[in-house]
Protein backbone atom coordinates (compact mmCIF):
# COMPACT_ATOMS: atom_id res chain seq x y z
CA MET A 1 20.10 15.56 4.88
CA GLN A 2 23.06 13.37 3.92
CA LYS A 3 21.87 9.75 3.31
CA ARG A 4 24.24 7.25 4.78
CA GLN A 5 24.54 3.76 3.43
CA GLN A 6 25.77 0.36 4.54
CA PRO A 7 26.74 -2.40 2.09
CA GLY A 8 23.67 -4.09 0.64
CA ARG A 9 20.97 -1.75 1.84
CA ARG A 10 19.68 1.67 2.69
CA THR A 11 20.13 2.54 6.39
CA VAL A 12 18.39 5.78 6.65
CA LEU A 13 15.12 6.96 5.31
CA GLY A 14 14.99 10.52 3.78
CA ALA A 15 14.07 13.07 6.44
CA ALA A 16 10.93 14.17 4.44
CA ALA A 17 9.68 10.60 4.64
CA LEU A 18 9.91 10.57 8.38
CA GLY A 19 9.17 14.14 9.29
CA ALA A 20 10.72 17.55 9.47
CA GLY A 21 13.92 17.85 11.19
CA ALA A 22 17.32 16.12 11.11
CA ALA A 23 17.22 12.28 10.54
CA VAL A 24 19.97 10.38 12.29
CA LEU A 25 20.83 6.71 12.55
CA GLY A 26 19.08 5.66 15.76
CA GLY A 27 20.35 2.05 15.96
CA ALA A 28 21.10 -0.88 13.78
CA GLY A 29 18.70 -0.67 10.95
CA GLN A 30 16.53 2.10 12.19
CA ALA A 31 15.94 5.73 11.17
CA SER A 32 15.00 8.26 13.79
CA ALA A 33 13.71 11.78 13.25
CA ALA A 34 12.72 14.69 15.35
CA GLY A 35 9.49 15.95 13.97
CA ARG A 36 8.06 19.49 13.83
CA ASP A 37 6.44 18.91 17.22
CA GLY A 38 9.80 17.86 18.64
CA ALA A 39 8.64 14.19 19.31
CA PRO A 40 11.23 11.58 18.39
CA ARG A 41 10.09 8.85 16.06
CA GLU A 42 11.43 5.62 14.69
CA LEU A 43 10.84 3.37 11.62
CA PRO A 44 12.86 0.22 10.89
CA VAL A 45 14.68 -0.02 7.64
CA PRO A 46 13.59 -1.97 5.77
CA LEU A 47 9.90 -1.59 6.97
CA ILE A 48 7.13 -4.09 6.29
CA VAL A 49 3.82 -2.87 5.28
CA GLY A 50 0.83 -5.17 6.10
CA HIS A 51 -0.89 -5.23 2.66
CA ARG A 52 -4.50 -4.70 3.05
CA GLY A 53 -3.77 -5.86 6.69
CA ALA A 54 -2.70 -9.38 7.17
CA SER A 55 -4.69 -10.48 4.08
CA GLY A 56 -2.91 -13.80 3.85
CA TYR A 57 -4.78 -14.85 7.05
CA ARG A 58 -7.97 -12.76 7.14
CA PRO A 59 -10.29 -11.22 4.63
CA GLU A 60 -8.56 -8.04 3.35
CA HIS A 61 -9.49 -4.69 4.59
CA THR A 62 -11.29 -5.67 7.69
CA PHE A 63 -10.60 -5.02 11.27
CA GLY A 64 -9.64 -8.50 11.79
CA SER A 65 -7.05 -8.23 9.06
CA TYR A 66 -5.68 -4.78 10.27
CA GLN A 67 -5.58 -5.97 13.96
CA LEU A 68 -3.80 -9.23 13.14
CA ALA A 69 -1.24 -7.36 11.02
CA LEU A 70 -0.53 -4.85 13.90
CA ASP A 71 -0.28 -7.74 16.39
CA MET A 72 2.06 -9.54 14.21
CA GLY A 73 4.25 -6.52 14.23
CA ALA A 74 3.84 -4.96 10.82
CA ASP A 75 5.45 -1.46 10.77
CA VAL A 76 2.85 0.08 8.61
CA ILE A 77 -0.83 -1.02 7.87
CA GLU A 78 -2.27 -0.26 4.40
CA GLN A 79 -5.66 1.07 3.47
CA ASP A 80 -7.21 1.45 0.09
CA LEU A 81 -9.84 4.08 -0.06
CA VAL A 82 -13.00 4.36 -2.21
CA PRO A 83 -16.15 6.50 -1.69
CA THR A 84 -19.82 5.74 -1.19
CA LYS A 85 -22.71 7.36 -2.93
CA ASP A 86 -23.02 9.84 -0.03
CA GLY A 87 -19.31 10.77 0.07
CA HIS A 88 -18.02 8.55 2.82
CA LEU A 89 -14.58 6.97 2.44
CA VAL A 90 -14.49 3.30 3.05
CA CYS A 91 -11.68 0.67 2.86
CA ARG A 92 -11.83 -1.62 -0.19
CA HIS A 93 -9.21 -2.52 -2.73
CA GLU A 94 -11.71 -1.77 -5.50
CA ASN A 95 -14.94 0.06 -5.83
CA ASP A 96 -16.26 -3.28 -7.25
CA ILE A 97 -17.29 -5.19 -4.07
CA THR A 98 -18.51 -8.24 -5.79
CA ALA A 99 -15.79 -10.48 -4.73
CA THR A 100 -15.05 -9.05 -1.23
CA THR A 101 -18.66 -8.73 0.29
CA ASP A 102 -21.70 -10.72 0.38
CA VAL A 103 -23.68 -8.31 -1.73
CA SER A 104 -24.81 -10.91 -4.18
CA ALA A 105 -26.67 -12.56 -1.42
CA HIS A 106 -28.83 -9.49 -0.67
CA PRO A 107 -31.94 -9.59 -2.85
CA GLU A 108 -32.68 -6.02 -1.90
CA PHE A 109 -29.54 -4.98 -3.93
CA ALA A 110 -29.96 -7.24 -6.90
CA ALA A 111 -31.00 -4.35 -9.11
CA ARG A 112 -27.75 -2.45 -8.34
CA LYS A 113 -25.67 -4.97 -10.22
CA THR A 114 -24.46 -3.08 -13.34
CA THR A 115 -21.54 -2.81 -15.88
CA LYS A 116 -19.07 0.00 -15.68
CA THR A 117 -15.80 0.92 -17.26
CA VAL A 118 -13.18 1.83 -14.58
CA ASP A 119 -9.84 3.07 -15.78
CA GLY A 120 -10.43 1.46 -19.18
CA VAL A 121 -11.59 -1.94 -17.81
CA GLN A 122 -15.07 -3.14 -18.06
CA LEU A 123 -16.56 -4.63 -15.00
CA THR A 124 -19.91 -6.21 -14.04
CA GLY A 125 -20.84 -6.29 -10.45
CA TRP A 126 -21.81 -3.96 -7.54
CA PHE A 127 -19.90 -0.77 -6.74
CA THR A 128 -19.50 1.30 -3.67
CA GLU A 129 -20.40 4.59 -5.38
CA ASP A 130 -23.97 3.21 -5.81
CA PHE A 131 -24.55 2.55 -2.11
CA THR A 132 -24.85 4.89 0.80
CA LEU A 133 -22.79 4.15 3.83
CA ALA A 134 -25.82 2.83 5.76
CA GLU A 135 -26.60 0.47 2.98
CA LEU A 136 -22.97 -0.71 2.65
CA LYS A 137 -22.83 -1.33 6.48
CA THR A 138 -25.46 -3.98 6.03
CA LEU A 139 -23.08 -6.14 4.05
CA ARG A 140 -20.36 -8.32 5.43
CA ALA A 141 -16.91 -8.85 4.14
CA LYS A 142 -15.56 -12.12 2.69
CA GLU A 143 -12.37 -13.56 1.37
CA ARG A 144 -11.51 -12.32 -2.18
CA ILE A 145 -9.64 -15.43 -3.39
CA PRO A 146 -11.32 -18.38 -1.59
CA GLY A 147 -9.79 -20.97 -4.11
CA THR A 148 -6.28 -19.94 -2.97
CA ARG A 149 -7.07 -19.07 0.70
CA GLN A 150 -9.76 -21.52 1.74
CA HIS A 151 -8.65 -21.04 5.36
CA ASN A 152 -9.58 -17.37 5.23
CA THR A 153 -13.29 -18.22 4.29
CA LEU A 154 -13.67 -19.31 8.03
CA TYR A 155 -13.98 -15.59 8.65
CA ASP A 156 -16.42 -14.73 5.92
CA GLY A 157 -19.27 -12.64 7.37
CA ARG A 158 -17.31 -11.82 10.48
CA TRP A 159 -16.67 -8.21 9.86
CA GLN A 160 -18.19 -5.15 8.21
CA VAL A 161 -16.59 -2.90 5.59
CA PRO A 162 -14.52 -0.41 7.74
CA THR A 163 -14.71 3.31 7.01
CA PHE A 164 -11.57 5.40 6.82
CA GLU A 165 -12.82 7.44 9.97
CA GLU A 166 -13.14 4.16 11.83
CA VAL A 167 -9.73 3.17 10.95
CA LEU A 168 -8.29 6.40 12.13
CA GLN A 169 -10.05 6.09 15.39
CA TRP A 170 -8.77 2.47 15.65
CA ALA A 171 -5.20 3.66 15.10
CA GLU A 172 -5.53 6.25 17.77
CA ARG A 173 -6.78 3.66 20.36
CA GLU A 174 -4.08 1.19 19.49
CA GLY A 175 -1.47 3.87 19.60
CA ARG A 176 -2.47 4.85 23.18
CA LYS A 177 -2.59 1.22 24.25
CA ARG A 178 0.92 0.46 22.77
CA GLY A 179 2.57 3.69 23.61
CA ARG A 180 3.54 4.42 20.05
CA ARG A 181 1.97 5.82 17.02
CA VAL A 182 0.36 3.42 14.53
CA TRP A 183 1.59 4.06 10.95
CA LEU A 184 -0.75 3.86 8.07
CA HIS A 185 -0.15 3.64 4.23
CA ILE A 186 -3.22 5.22 2.66
CA GLU A 187 -4.04 4.81 -1.05
CA THR A 188 -6.46 6.76 -3.20
CA LYS A 189 -8.06 4.36 -5.63
CA HIS A 190 -9.11 5.48 -9.15
CA PRO A 191 -9.00 9.33 -8.26
CA THR A 192 -9.58 10.48 -11.80
CA TYR A 193 -12.68 8.11 -12.27
CA PHE A 194 -14.17 9.35 -8.96
CA ARG A 195 -13.53 12.96 -9.42
CA LYS A 196 -15.52 12.74 -12.68
CA LEU A 197 -18.33 11.43 -10.57
CA GLY A 198 -18.14 14.41 -8.25
CA LEU A 199 -16.58 12.32 -5.43
CA GLY A 200 -13.09 13.67 -5.47
CA LEU A 201 -10.94 11.55 -3.02
CA GLU A 202 -8.20 13.95 -1.99
CA GLU A 203 -10.25 16.59 -0.37
CA ARG A 204 -12.00 13.89 1.70
CA VAL A 205 -8.70 12.30 2.74
CA ALA A 206 -7.21 15.60 3.68
CA GLU A 207 -10.19 16.56 5.79
CA ALA A 208 -10.17 13.21 7.62
CA LEU A 209 -6.43 13.48 8.29
CA ARG A 210 -6.77 17.06 9.53
CA ALA A 211 -9.57 16.02 12.00
CA HIS A 212 -7.18 13.65 13.57
CA GLY A 213 -4.04 15.69 13.33
CA ARG A 214 -2.42 13.31 10.85
CA HIS A 215 -1.89 16.01 8.15
CA ARG A 216 1.58 17.15 9.13
CA ARG A 217 4.96 16.28 7.64
CA ASN A 218 5.88 14.16 10.73
CA SER A 219 2.45 12.39 10.93
CA PRO A 220 2.57 8.57 11.06
CA ASN A 221 1.25 7.94 7.64
CA PHE A 222 2.14 7.64 4.04
CA LEU A 223 -0.14 8.74 1.24
CA GLN A 224 0.03 6.71 -1.99
CA SER A 225 -1.61 6.62 -5.46
CA PHE A 226 -0.99 5.12 -8.89
CA GLU A 227 -1.92 8.49 -10.25
CA PRO A 228 0.85 11.12 -9.83
CA SER A 229 -1.63 14.03 -10.20
CA SER A 230 -3.57 12.59 -7.11
CA ILE A 231 -0.26 12.83 -5.14
CA GLN A 232 0.41 16.38 -6.50
CA ARG A 233 -3.17 17.29 -5.37
CA LEU A 234 -2.72 15.78 -1.88
CA GLY A 235 0.56 17.78 -1.60
CA LYS A 236 -1.38 21.00 -1.86
CA LEU A 237 -3.70 19.91 0.93
CA VAL A 238 -1.54 18.09 3.55
CA ASP A 239 2.18 17.75 4.33
CA CYS A 240 2.30 13.92 4.88
CA PRO A 241 4.97 11.81 3.24
CA LYS A 242 3.83 10.71 -0.21
CA VAL A 243 4.60 7.73 -2.47
CA VAL A 244 3.78 7.27 -6.11
CA LEU A 245 2.81 3.76 -7.04
CA LEU A 246 4.09 2.43 -10.21
CA GLY A 247 2.81 -0.68 -12.11
CA THR A 248 4.95 -2.77 -14.62
CA LEU A 249 7.20 -1.00 -17.06
CA LYS A 250 4.80 -1.09 -19.91
CA ASP A 251 2.02 0.56 -17.78
CA ARG A 252 0.76 4.13 -17.94
CA PRO A 253 -0.79 5.85 -14.97
CA TRP A 254 -4.51 6.37 -15.76
CA ASP A 255 -4.25 10.13 -15.25
CA PHE A 256 -1.70 10.07 -17.90
CA VAL A 257 -4.03 8.22 -20.22
CA ALA A 258 -6.76 10.65 -19.46
CA SER A 259 -4.66 13.65 -20.09
CA GLY A 260 -2.70 12.37 -23.05
CA ASP A 261 0.61 12.26 -21.22
CA PRO A 262 2.59 9.50 -23.33
CA ARG A 263 4.92 8.53 -20.46
CA THR A 264 5.01 5.02 -19.14
CA VAL A 265 6.34 3.53 -15.96
CA ALA A 266 9.53 2.77 -17.96
CA ASP A 267 9.96 6.56 -18.41
CA LEU A 268 9.22 7.24 -14.94
CA VAL A 269 11.86 5.03 -13.40
CA LYS A 270 14.59 6.51 -15.51
CA PRO A 271 16.64 9.13 -13.63
CA GLU A 272 14.82 12.04 -15.26
CA GLY A 273 11.43 10.62 -14.32
CA LEU A 274 12.66 9.90 -10.73
CA ARG A 275 13.81 13.43 -10.43
CA TRP A 276 10.45 14.65 -11.61
CA ILE A 277 8.60 12.46 -8.93
CA ALA A 278 10.95 13.79 -6.23
CA GLY A 279 9.74 17.20 -6.92
CA PHE A 280 6.35 16.35 -5.23
CA ALA A 281 6.83 12.97 -3.45
CA GLU A 282 9.14 11.27 -1.05
CA GLY A 283 8.97 7.76 -2.44
CA ILE A 284 7.84 5.38 -5.08
CA GLY A 285 6.19 2.01 -4.80
CA PRO A 286 6.90 0.06 -7.86
CA ASP A 287 5.71 -3.40 -8.92
CA LEU A 288 8.35 -5.85 -7.86
CA THR A 289 9.23 -6.71 -11.38
CA VAL A 290 10.57 -3.20 -11.68
CA ILE A 291 13.22 -4.09 -9.04
CA ILE A 292 14.03 -7.60 -10.22
CA PRO A 293 12.44 -8.62 -13.55
CA ARG A 294 11.41 -12.10 -14.35
CA ASP A 295 12.68 -14.15 -17.30
CA LYS A 296 10.70 -15.96 -19.93
CA ASP A 297 10.43 -18.94 -17.52
CA ASN A 298 8.98 -16.69 -14.73
CA LYS A 299 12.20 -17.02 -12.79
CA LEU A 300 13.88 -14.00 -11.03
CA GLY A 301 16.43 -12.24 -13.25
CA THR A 302 19.12 -9.59 -12.58
CA PRO A 303 18.15 -6.59 -10.43
CA THR A 304 17.77 -3.33 -12.18
CA SER A 305 19.32 0.03 -11.33
CA VAL A 306 16.04 1.44 -10.14
CA VAL A 307 16.91 1.15 -6.34
CA LYS A 308 20.20 3.04 -6.82
CA ASP A 309 18.71 5.57 -9.20
CA ALA A 310 15.67 6.31 -6.87
CA HIS A 311 17.96 6.65 -3.84
CA ALA A 312 20.15 9.04 -5.89
CA ALA A 313 16.89 11.13 -6.50
CA GLY A 314 16.32 11.18 -2.73
CA LEU A 315 13.27 8.80 -2.97
CA VAL A 316 12.58 5.81 -0.79
CA LEU A 317 11.23 2.61 -2.29
CA HIS A 318 8.19 0.58 -0.94
CA PRO A 319 7.62 -2.01 -3.75
CA TYR A 320 4.71 -4.55 -3.72
CA THR A 321 3.66 -7.39 -3.07
CA VAL A 322 5.19 -10.68 -1.83
CA ARG A 323 2.89 -13.54 -0.87
CA ASN A 324 3.64 -16.91 0.42
CA GLU A 325 1.67 -19.03 -1.93
CA ASN A 326 3.43 -20.81 -4.90
CA THR A 327 0.91 -19.22 -7.42
CA PHE A 328 2.26 -15.68 -6.63
CA LEU A 329 6.02 -16.67 -6.32
CA PRO A 330 8.73 -16.71 -9.08
CA ALA A 331 8.98 -20.25 -10.57
CA ASP A 332 12.37 -20.87 -9.16
CA PHE A 333 10.97 -20.29 -5.55
CA ARG A 334 7.96 -22.55 -5.76
CA LYS A 335 7.73 -25.95 -3.89
CA GLY A 336 5.78 -28.89 -5.09
CA THR A 337 2.99 -28.80 -7.57
CA ASP A 338 0.09 -27.33 -5.50
CA PRO A 339 -0.33 -23.71 -6.52
CA ASN A 340 -1.93 -22.82 -3.20
CA ALA A 341 0.79 -24.37 -0.91
CA TYR A 342 3.56 -22.24 0.47
CA GLY A 343 6.78 -21.97 -1.49
CA ASP A 344 10.19 -20.49 -0.49
CA SER A 345 8.72 -17.17 0.26
CA LEU A 346 11.53 -16.39 2.72
CA GLY A 347 13.91 -16.84 -0.11
CA VAL A 348 11.94 -14.33 -2.21
CA PHE A 349 11.74 -11.70 0.54
CA LYS A 350 15.57 -11.96 1.03
CA ALA A 351 16.33 -11.54 -2.73
CA TYR A 352 14.18 -8.33 -2.86
CA LEU A 353 15.50 -6.98 0.40
CA ALA A 354 19.11 -7.50 -0.66
CA THR A 355 18.55 -4.95 -3.48
CA GLY A 356 18.55 -2.25 -0.73
CA ILE A 357 14.74 -1.40 -0.92
CA ASP A 358 13.44 0.64 2.02
CA GLY A 359 10.30 -1.36 2.63
CA LEU A 360 8.09 -3.98 1.20
CA PHE A 361 4.37 -4.73 1.01
CA SER A 362 3.32 -8.16 2.05
CA ASP A 363 0.07 -10.26 2.73
CA ASN A 364 2.18 -12.28 5.13
CA CYS A 365 3.80 -9.70 7.34
CA ASP A 366 5.02 -12.35 9.76
CA THR A 367 7.05 -13.97 7.11
CA ALA A 368 8.26 -10.67 5.85
CA LEU A 369 9.22 -9.48 9.25
CA LEU A 370 11.40 -12.62 9.81
CA ALA A 371 13.17 -11.96 6.58
CA ALA A 372 13.49 -8.27 7.33
CA ALA A 373 15.10 -8.91 10.73
CA GLU A 374 18.29 -10.24 9.19
CA PHE A 375 18.69 -7.11 7.11
CA ARG A 376 17.96 -4.80 10.00
CA LYS A 377 21.04 -6.23 11.86
CA ARG A 378 23.41 -5.35 9.11
């Protein structure tokens, strides 16, 4: 497919990221594709991913968070997947559930508290792989950063930890209700770590997707991972669009560390590295500092060439994550002295969207959508 471009942003997603068949411009700022099943489909450009749902307003990875993100209009809803002891996939940003559930208040699980090393980091707490699904379902979710998002604590205890199967069923129900498919952005967390425990993620993800007919190239989901080998493994199991997540320039994917591959993110975002990624994935999801670095004063600097180079390699870009609070914003976009107050997040969204990225993760998808609307009109 020939990629068309308007000044200032990418207007058409690669056909591989939208489905088999020819992709054509379907309207101002939209990409349309006829999938293998012949059904037309549209995604806006740039698209907005509800990061862990609408986690700026509800405890992350709960149905309260997912539903609110969808109701706000998020184009895609993100799930992070980790396994239970008995092999079920559940939605948590980490397998350490200390901060996101009320597990510490359950005396029956006090002895499960332990210290583990996950991807080279030592952690003490409670971990999903030490609980059966039935045990995990006795817990309730809570706000991960209550000091920053005190208003979210209102919903502590309201929802259980959702399973991936429940999310897929929810997406189907919501899709029927809305008359359109609900898009998901699905991440395998710590896949090398879990494979060594006999809890391989990729096979379980593929099995669930196949059971719901979401395993095809034109299915309404992206698969993502910080480990390129996980994306390669998934590519042998399902045909869905795939995105390689990338940390900061100095980071190394953990599977690279485990295998002795010396490459860093800085290597992977060079033209040669991007061409390598394009051999098995349709996109990258870099840390925002890879798109626009920050200077010594934590202010936004000059955009890099990564957007242009990734597009030249045929890759879409879905970087992460913009949040509204001052504490998460570049110094030149903060307002006042309260780190938990909202800064000029609209200005930050616009600065990143102006680089030509194809999508953006945000905890505050309503704010992100407001900014994205201006770029979709171009």
